[in-house]
């Protein structure tokens, strides 16, 4: 009798432990997705700031930024992604404006995780299971940037969308 009670207790503990591990994995993926979504917005903000700060006038830079995002694939329903792997951050000649914004054309490519650098990107590393889609919408004289990160875990597909409105702060 004591052995069966002990066995049932151990089995119940193992079931609870398995559920806790699964919950921890989901929470980890959600945190990573939130950081990747925020990173997408930060890159777009950095592109805006680079255009505005390095143009002949702030308004010229803002106009160039608006033109770039509204004439890019980010301004359609499929959205876009950016790959910064070719940028030389050591070169001070405005590397952010050289980021290519590539159309997702249906679905965006999966981000890869480089274990040696700890970075997510598209050129090196292992498939991470996360995809990021950036969209830009012109509203009056503001640009609304949305960054959506999706991932699959167990039998479900999850996503996190963060958005921010970028203003012409030089006015």
Foldseek 3Di string as FASTA:
>chain_A
DVVVVVVVVVVVVVVVVVVVVLVVVVVVVVVVQVVVFVVVVVLLLLQLVLLQVPDPHNVRSLVVSVCVQCVALLADPQAWDWALPPFDPVDPPRRSPVIDTGGCVNHNDFWAADPVVRDTGDDDHHGDQKGWGWHWDDDPSKIKIKIKIWGDDDDDIDIDIDIDIGHSVRD
